[in-house]
Amino acid sequence: MPDELNGKRVAILVADGFEQVEMTKPKEALEQAGAKTDIVSPVKNEVQAWKHFDKADRFRVDVALDAADPSDYDALLLPGGVANPDQLRVIPAAVEFVNSFFEAGKPVAAICHGPWLLAEADVVQGRKLTSWPSLQTDLKNAGASWIDQEVVTDRGLVTSRKPDDIPAFNRKMIEEFREGIREPEPAGGSRSTQR
């Protein structure tokens, strides 16, 4: 439905090396549902997308990470791509940006390698999620219950494995973003109990 997310503002956090389709298709779905999206990045001006192992298009950065205020957003999207979350997880401001969405109980959607950043933000303990298969050991070691299915939802967190899962990912992401804020996570990480 075209008006499901009217009035909602969504941050899309990326660094150079994100998988293009994992940003463009969810962004398009969010905007078709009425949301306003902002590409947030530590990279100035334009950020470089990839298509598997090859450079793809460049995208204008709407808001620099150091100027982005999580309180301005209703939800967060984390695309994958191997290089993207690997760069973001060593930037304290990126980790804190992600963590603040969980502390406020705001919905988050992460696909493919995107959940790597969730592990760094210490928000996966006791949560069910999925990702690109090579991340499962890292996520399990961070306390997550990893499930191999196209989309997994747990208390406002939506995760998927790969580009083929995007249609299911988009449907669940829009549903969770429409529902909005949940009970906030306690400071210093997520709850250790599953629902």
C-alpha atoms as a PDB file:
ATOM      1  CA  MET A   1       0.000   0.000   0.000  1.00  0.00           C
ATOM      2  CA  PRO A   2       1.393   3.361  -1.016  1.00  0.00           C
ATOM      3  CA  ASP A   3       0.687   5.248   2.235  1.00  0.00           C
ATOM      4  CA  GLU A   4       1.751   2.666   4.835  1.00  0.00           C
ATOM      5  CA  LEU A   5       4.830   4.624   5.885  1.00  0.00           C
ATOM      6  CA  ASN A   6       3.681   8.213   5.327  1.00  0.00           C
ATOM      7  CA  GLY A   7       5.466  10.518   7.739  1.00  0.00           C
ATOM      8  CA  LYS A   8       8.183   7.940   8.535  1.00  0.00           C
ATOM      9  CA  ARG A   9      11.838   8.819   8.009  1.00  0.00           C
ATOM     10  CA  VAL A  10      14.342   6.021   7.441  1.00  0.00           C
ATOM     11  CA  ALA A  11      18.144   6.191   7.692  1.00  0.00           C
ATOM     12  CA  ILE A  12      20.113   3.961   5.317  1.00  0.00           C
ATOM     13  CA  LEU A  13      23.607   3.548   6.763  1.00  0.00           C
ATOM     14  CA  VAL A  14      26.306   2.614   4.225  1.00  0.00           C
ATOM     15  CA  ALA A  15      30.021   2.932   3.511  1.00  0.00           C
ATOM     16  CA  ASP A  16      31.821   2.293   0.231  1.00  0.00           C
ATOM     17  CA  GLY A  17      31.362  -1.294  -0.909  1.00  0.00           C
ATOM     18  CA  PHE A  18      27.686  -1.880  -0.127  1.00  0.00           C
ATOM     19  CA  GLU A  19      25.792  -4.281  -2.397  1.00  0.00           C
ATOM     20  CA  GLN A  20      23.837  -1.958  -4.696  1.00  0.00           C
ATOM     21  CA  VAL A  21      20.632  -3.991  -5.049  1.00  0.00           C
ATOM     22  CA  GLU A  22      20.435  -4.445  -1.263  1.00  0.00           C
ATOM     23  CA  MET A  23      20.168  -0.673  -0.943  1.00  0.00           C
ATOM     24  CA  THR A  24      18.258   0.351  -4.066  1.00  0.00           C
ATOM     25  CA  LYS A  25      15.422  -2.203  -3.936  1.00  0.00           C
ATOM     26  CA  PRO A  26      14.569  -1.719  -0.221  1.00  0.00           C
ATOM     27  CA  LYS A  27      14.944   2.076  -0.618  1.00  0.00           C
ATOM     28  CA  GLU A  28      12.533   1.998  -3.554  1.00  0.00           C
ATOM     29  CA  ALA A  29      10.039  -0.131  -1.580  1.00  0.00           C
ATOM     30  CA  LEU A  30      10.227   2.236   1.401  1.00  0.00           C
ATOM     31  CA  GLU A  31       9.651   5.296  -0.777  1.00  0.00           C
ATOM     32  CA  GLN A  32       6.760   3.611  -2.610  1.00  0.00           C
ATOM     33  CA  ALA A  33       5.221   2.989   0.823  1.00  0.00           C
ATOM     34  CA  GLY A  34       5.494   6.719   1.587  1.00  0.00           C
ATOM     35  CA  ALA A  35       8.672   6.896   3.688  1.00  0.00           C
ATOM     36  CA  LYS A  36      11.381   9.508   3.280  1.00  0.00           C
ATOM     37  CA  THR A  37      14.831   7.919   3.108  1.00  0.00           C
ATOM     38  CA  ASP A  38      18.281   9.394   3.748  1.00  0.00           C
ATOM     39  CA  ILE A  39      21.578   7.786   2.789  1.00  0.00           C
ATOM     40  CA  VAL A  40      23.791   8.300   5.841  1.00  0.00           C
ATOM     41  CA  SER A  41      27.504   7.636   5.456  1.00  0.00           C
ATOM     42  CA  PRO A  42      30.934   8.371   6.873  1.00  0.00           C
ATOM     43  CA  VAL A  43      31.923   8.930   3.227  1.00  0.00           C
ATOM     44  CA  LYS A  44      31.570  12.526   2.054  1.00  0.00           C
ATOM     45  CA  ASN A  45      29.486  13.517  -0.990  1.00  0.00           C
ATOM     46  CA  GLU A  46      29.107  10.171  -2.840  1.00  0.00           C
ATOM     47  CA  VAL A  47      29.310   6.564  -1.737  1.00  0.00           C
ATOM     48  CA  GLN A  48      30.397   3.687  -4.007  1.00  0.00           C
ATOM     49  CA  ALA A  49      28.117   0.684  -4.531  1.00  0.00           C
ATOM     50  CA  TRP A  50      29.261  -2.732  -5.714  1.00  0.00           C
ATOM     51  CA  LYS A  51      27.634  -5.538  -7.681  1.00  0.00           C
ATOM     52  CA  HIS A  52      29.240  -8.658  -6.254  1.00  0.00           C
ATOM     53  CA  PHE A  53      32.983  -8.124  -6.947  1.00  0.00           C
ATOM     54  CA  ASP A  54      32.667  -5.186  -9.360  1.00  0.00           C
ATOM     55  CA  LYS A  55      32.151  -1.484  -8.792  1.00  0.00           C
ATOM     56  CA  ALA A  56      28.619  -0.369  -9.611  1.00  0.00           C
ATOM     57  CA  ASP A  57      27.026   3.089  -9.293  1.00  0.00           C
ATOM     58  CA  ARG A  58      27.815   5.976  -6.971  1.00  0.00           C
ATOM     59  CA  PHE A  59      25.068   7.504  -4.810  1.00  0.00           C
ATOM     60  CA  ARG A  60      24.767  10.944  -3.249  1.00  0.00           C
ATOM     61  CA  VAL A  61      25.131  10.960   0.522  1.00  0.00           C
ATOM     62  CA  ASP A  62      22.151  12.822   2.028  1.00  0.00           C
ATOM     63  CA  VAL A  63      23.518  13.153   5.576  1.00  0.00           C
ATOM     64  CA  ALA A  64      27.095  12.770   6.788  1.00  0.00           C
ATOM     65  CA  LEU A  65      27.353  10.271   9.636  1.00  0.00           C
ATOM     66  CA  ASP A  66      28.984  12.851  11.913  1.00  0.00           C
ATOM     67  CA  ALA A  67      25.971  15.152  11.392  1.00  0.00           C
ATOM     68  CA  ALA A  68      23.268  12.438  11.579  1.00  0.00           C
ATOM     69  CA  ASP A  69      20.981  12.434  14.615  1.00  0.00           C
ATOM     70  CA  PRO A  70      19.285   9.056  15.235  1.00  0.00           C
ATOM     71  CA  SER A  71      16.393  10.846  16.928  1.00  0.00           C
ATOM     72  CA  ASP A  72      15.479  12.314  13.508  1.00  0.00           C
ATOM     73  CA  TYR A  73      14.662   8.825  12.186  1.00  0.00           C
ATOM     74  CA  ASP A  74      11.904   6.289  12.777  1.00  0.00           C
ATOM     75  CA  ALA A  75      13.821   3.256  11.475  1.00  0.00           C
ATOM     76  CA  LEU A  76      17.173   2.057  10.141  1.00  0.00           C
ATOM     77  CA  LEU A  77      18.138   0.018   7.054  1.00  0.00           C
ATOM     78  CA  LEU A  78      21.522  -1.753   6.881  1.00  0.00           C
ATOM     79  CA  PRO A  79      22.378  -3.088   3.400  1.00  0.00           C
ATOM     80  CA  GLY A  80      25.046  -5.743   2.991  1.00  0.00           C
ATOM     81  CA  GLY A  81      28.103  -6.150   0.814  1.00  0.00           C
ATOM     82  CA  VAL A  82      31.256  -7.537   2.434  1.00  0.00           C
ATOM     83  CA  ALA A  83      33.290  -4.305   2.564  1.00  0.00           C
ATOM     84  CA  ASN A  84      30.431  -2.090   3.775  1.00  0.00           C
ATOM     85  CA  PRO A  85      29.730  -3.440   7.298  1.00  0.00           C
ATOM     86  CA  ASP A  86      33.379  -4.380   7.759  1.00  0.00           C
ATOM     87  CA  GLN A  87      34.289  -0.697   7.398  1.00  0.00           C
ATOM     88  CA  LEU A  88      31.365   0.571   9.472  1.00  0.00           C
ATOM     89  CA  ARG A  89      32.021  -1.721  12.426  1.00  0.00           C
ATOM     90  CA  VAL A  90      35.389  -0.085  13.129  1.00  0.00           C
ATOM     91  CA  ILE A  91      33.879   3.426  13.162  1.00  0.00           C
ATOM     92  CA  PRO A  92      32.644   4.148  16.706  1.00  0.00           C
ATOM     93  CA  ALA A  93      30.101   6.723  15.458  1.00  0.00           C
ATOM     94  CA  ALA A  94      28.539   4.113  13.130  1.00  0.00           C
ATOM     95  CA  VAL A  95      28.312   1.524  15.908  1.00  0.00           C
ATOM     96  CA  GLU A  96      26.758   4.086  18.263  1.00  0.00           C
ATOM     97  CA  PHE A  97      24.316   5.202  15.540  1.00  0.00           C
ATOM     98  CA  VAL A  98      23.093   1.607  15.171  1.00  0.00           C
ATOM     99  CA  ASN A  99      22.972   1.020  18.919  1.00  0.00           C
ATOM    100  CA  SER A 100      20.820   4.095  19.485  1.00  0.00           C
ATOM    101  CA  PHE A 101      17.995   2.627  17.362  1.00  0.00           C
ATOM    102  CA  PHE A 102      17.879  -0.454  19.589  1.00  0.00           C
ATOM    103  CA  GLU A 103      18.059   1.610  22.779  1.00  0.00           C
ATOM    104  CA  ALA A 104      15.063   3.630  21.547  1.00  0.00           C
ATOM    105  CA  GLY A 105      13.119   0.508  20.488  1.00  0.00           C
ATOM    106  CA  LYS A 106      13.044   1.603  16.831  1.00  0.00           C
ATOM    107  CA  PRO A 107      12.808  -1.018  14.071  1.00  0.00           C
ATOM    108  CA  VAL A 108      15.919  -2.051  12.141  1.00  0.00           C
ATOM    109  CA  ALA A 109      16.273  -4.078   8.922  1.00  0.00           C
ATOM    110  CA  ALA A 110      19.592  -5.696   7.906  1.00  0.00           C
ATOM    111  CA  ILE A 111      20.341  -7.926   4.943  1.00  0.00           C
ATOM    112  CA  CYS A 112      23.188 -10.224   3.875  1.00  0.00           C
ATOM    113  CA  HIS A 113      26.420  -8.983   5.545  1.00  0.00           C
ATOM    114  CA  GLY A 114      24.586  -6.100   7.275  1.00  0.00           C
ATOM    115  CA  PRO A 115      24.120  -8.050  10.549  1.00  0.00           C
ATOM    116  CA  TRP A 116      27.901  -7.987  11.050  1.00  0.00           C
ATOM    117  CA  LEU A 117      27.437  -4.418  12.235  1.00  0.00           C
ATOM    118  CA  LEU A 118      24.717  -5.575  14.651  1.00  0.00           C
ATOM    119  CA  ALA A 119      27.177  -7.956  16.292  1.00  0.00           C
ATOM    120  CA  GLU A 120      29.653  -5.107  16.727  1.00  0.00           C
ATOM    121  CA  ALA A 121      26.902  -2.953  18.262  1.00  0.00           C
ATOM    122  CA  ASP A 122      26.239  -5.758  20.791  1.00  0.00           C
ATOM    123  CA  VAL A 123      22.524  -5.974  19.987  1.00  0.00           C
ATOM    124  CA  VAL A 124      22.111  -9.588  18.805  1.00  0.00           C
ATOM    125  CA  GLN A 125      22.317 -11.434  22.145  1.00  0.00           C
ATOM    126  CA  GLY A 126      19.181 -13.550  22.580  1.00  0.00           C
ATOM    127  CA  ARG A 127      17.745 -12.587  19.187  1.00  0.00           C
ATOM    128  CA  LYS A 128      16.684 -14.795  16.295  1.00  0.00           C
ATOM    129  CA  LEU A 129      18.118 -13.612  12.988  1.00  0.00           C
ATOM    130  CA  THR A 130      19.611 -14.607   9.659  1.00  0.00           C
ATOM    131  CA  SER A 131      22.362 -13.324   7.384  1.00  0.00           C
ATOM    132  CA  TRP A 132      24.708 -14.348   4.621  1.00  0.00           C
ATOM    133  CA  PRO A 133      25.743 -17.874   5.726  1.00  0.00           C
ATOM    134  CA  SER A 134      29.419 -17.010   6.314  1.00  0.00           C
ATOM    135  CA  LEU A 135      28.404 -14.709   9.207  1.00  0.00           C
ATOM    136  CA  GLN A 136      26.562 -17.369  11.198  1.00  0.00           C
ATOM    137  CA  THR A 137      29.523 -18.275  13.434  1.00  0.00           C
ATOM    138  CA  ASP A 138      30.215 -14.599  14.245  1.00  0.00           C
ATOM    139  CA  LEU A 139      26.547 -14.004  15.043  1.00  0.00           C
ATOM    140  CA  LYS A 140      26.220 -17.160  17.148  1.00  0.00           C
ATOM    141  CA  ASN A 141      29.377 -16.173  19.045  1.00  0.00           C
ATOM    142  CA  ALA A 142      27.723 -12.790  19.716  1.00  0.00           C
ATOM    143  CA  GLY A 143      24.742 -14.602  21.278  1.00  0.00           C
ATOM    144  CA  ALA A 144      22.284 -14.749  18.365  1.00  0.00           C
ATOM    145  CA  SER A 145      20.147 -17.695  17.372  1.00  0.00           C
ATOM    146  CA  TRP A 146      20.937 -17.971  13.643  1.00  0.00           C
ATOM    147  CA  ILE A 147      18.211 -19.382  11.354  1.00  0.00           C
ATOM    148  CA  ASP A 148      18.609 -20.240   7.660  1.00  0.00           C
ATOM    149  CA  GLN A 149      15.445 -18.780   6.124  1.00  0.00           C
ATOM    150  CA  GLU A 150      14.658 -15.937   3.746  1.00  0.00           C
ATOM    151  CA  VAL A 151      13.447 -13.524   6.395  1.00  0.00           C
ATOM    152  CA  VAL A 152      13.531 -13.595  10.199  1.00  0.00           C
ATOM    153  CA  THR A 153      11.799 -11.070  12.463  1.00  0.00           C
ATOM    154  CA  ASP A 154      12.497 -10.623  16.173  1.00  0.00           C
ATOM    155  CA  ARG A 155      11.183  -7.677  18.217  1.00  0.00           C
ATOM    156  CA  GLY A 156      11.404  -5.123  15.412  1.00  0.00           C
ATOM    157  CA  LEU A 157      14.594  -6.524  13.847  1.00  0.00           C
ATOM    158  CA  VAL A 158      14.170  -7.843  10.296  1.00  0.00           C
ATOM    159  CA  THR A 159      17.003  -9.830   8.693  1.00  0.00           C
ATOM    160  CA  SER A 160      17.493 -11.657   5.391  1.00  0.00           C
ATOM    161  CA  ARG A 161      20.282 -13.694   3.798  1.00  0.00           C
ATOM    162  CA  LYS A 162      20.868 -12.442   0.240  1.00  0.00           C
ATOM    163  CA  PRO A 163      19.546 -10.479  -2.751  1.00  0.00           C
ATOM    164  CA  ASP A 164      17.148 -13.317  -3.705  1.00  0.00           C
ATOM    165  CA  ASP A 165      15.368 -12.700  -0.375  1.00  0.00           C
ATOM    166  CA  ILE A 166      14.696  -9.004  -1.083  1.00  0.00           C
ATOM    167  CA  PRO A 167      10.962  -9.357  -1.910  1.00  0.00           C
ATOM    168  CA  ALA A 168      10.271 -11.102   1.431  1.00  0.00           C
ATOM    169  CA  PHE A 169      12.674  -8.755   3.225  1.00  0.00           C
ATOM    170  CA  ASN A 170      10.896  -5.680   1.850  1.00  0.00           C
ATOM    171  CA  ARG A 171       7.446  -6.933   2.884  1.00  0.00           C
ATOM    172  CA  LYS A 172       8.532  -7.649   6.463  1.00  0.00           C
ATOM    173  CA  MET A 173      10.594  -4.451   6.685  1.00  0.00           C
ATOM    174  CA  ILE A 174       7.609  -2.316   5.719  1.00  0.00           C
ATOM    175  CA  GLU A 175       5.370  -4.197   8.158  1.00  0.00           C
ATOM    176  CA  GLU A 176       7.813  -3.708  11.063  1.00  0.00           C
ATOM    177  CA  PHE A 177       8.588  -0.094  10.166  1.00  0.00           C
ATOM    178  CA  ARG A 178       4.831   0.612  10.073  1.00  0.00           C
ATOM    179  CA  GLU A 179       4.404  -0.873  13.563  1.00  0.00           C
ATOM    180  CA  GLY A 180       7.159   1.421  14.844  1.00  0.00           C
ATOM    181  CA  ILE A 181       8.672   1.641  18.297  1.00  0.00           C
ATOM    182  CA  ARG A 182       8.904  -1.388  20.583  1.00  0.00           C
ATOM    183  CA  GLU A 183       9.963  -1.553  24.211  1.00  0.00           C
ATOM    184  CA  PRO A 184      13.468  -0.048  24.214  1.00  0.00           C
ATOM    185  CA  GLU A 185      16.488  -2.252  24.838  1.00  0.00           C
ATOM    186  CA  PRO A 186      18.316  -1.775  28.146  1.00  0.00           C
ATOM    187  CA  ALA A 187      21.533   0.243  27.926  1.00  0.00           C
ATOM    188  CA  GLY A 188      24.624  -1.724  26.952  1.00  0.00           C
ATOM    189  CA  GLY A 189      23.070  -4.297  24.640  1.00  0.00           C
ATOM    190  CA  SER A 190      19.963  -6.317  24.008  1.00  0.00           C
ATOM    191  CA  ARG A 191      17.968  -8.486  26.332  1.00  0.00           C
ATOM    192  CA  SER A 192      19.207 -12.007  26.771  1.00  0.00           C
ATOM    193  CA  THR A 193      15.779 -13.630  26.693  1.00  0.00           C
ATOM    194  CA  GLN A 194      13.806 -14.625  23.636  1.00  0.00           C
ATOM    195  CA  ARG A 195      10.098 -14.110  23.299  1.00  0.00           C
END
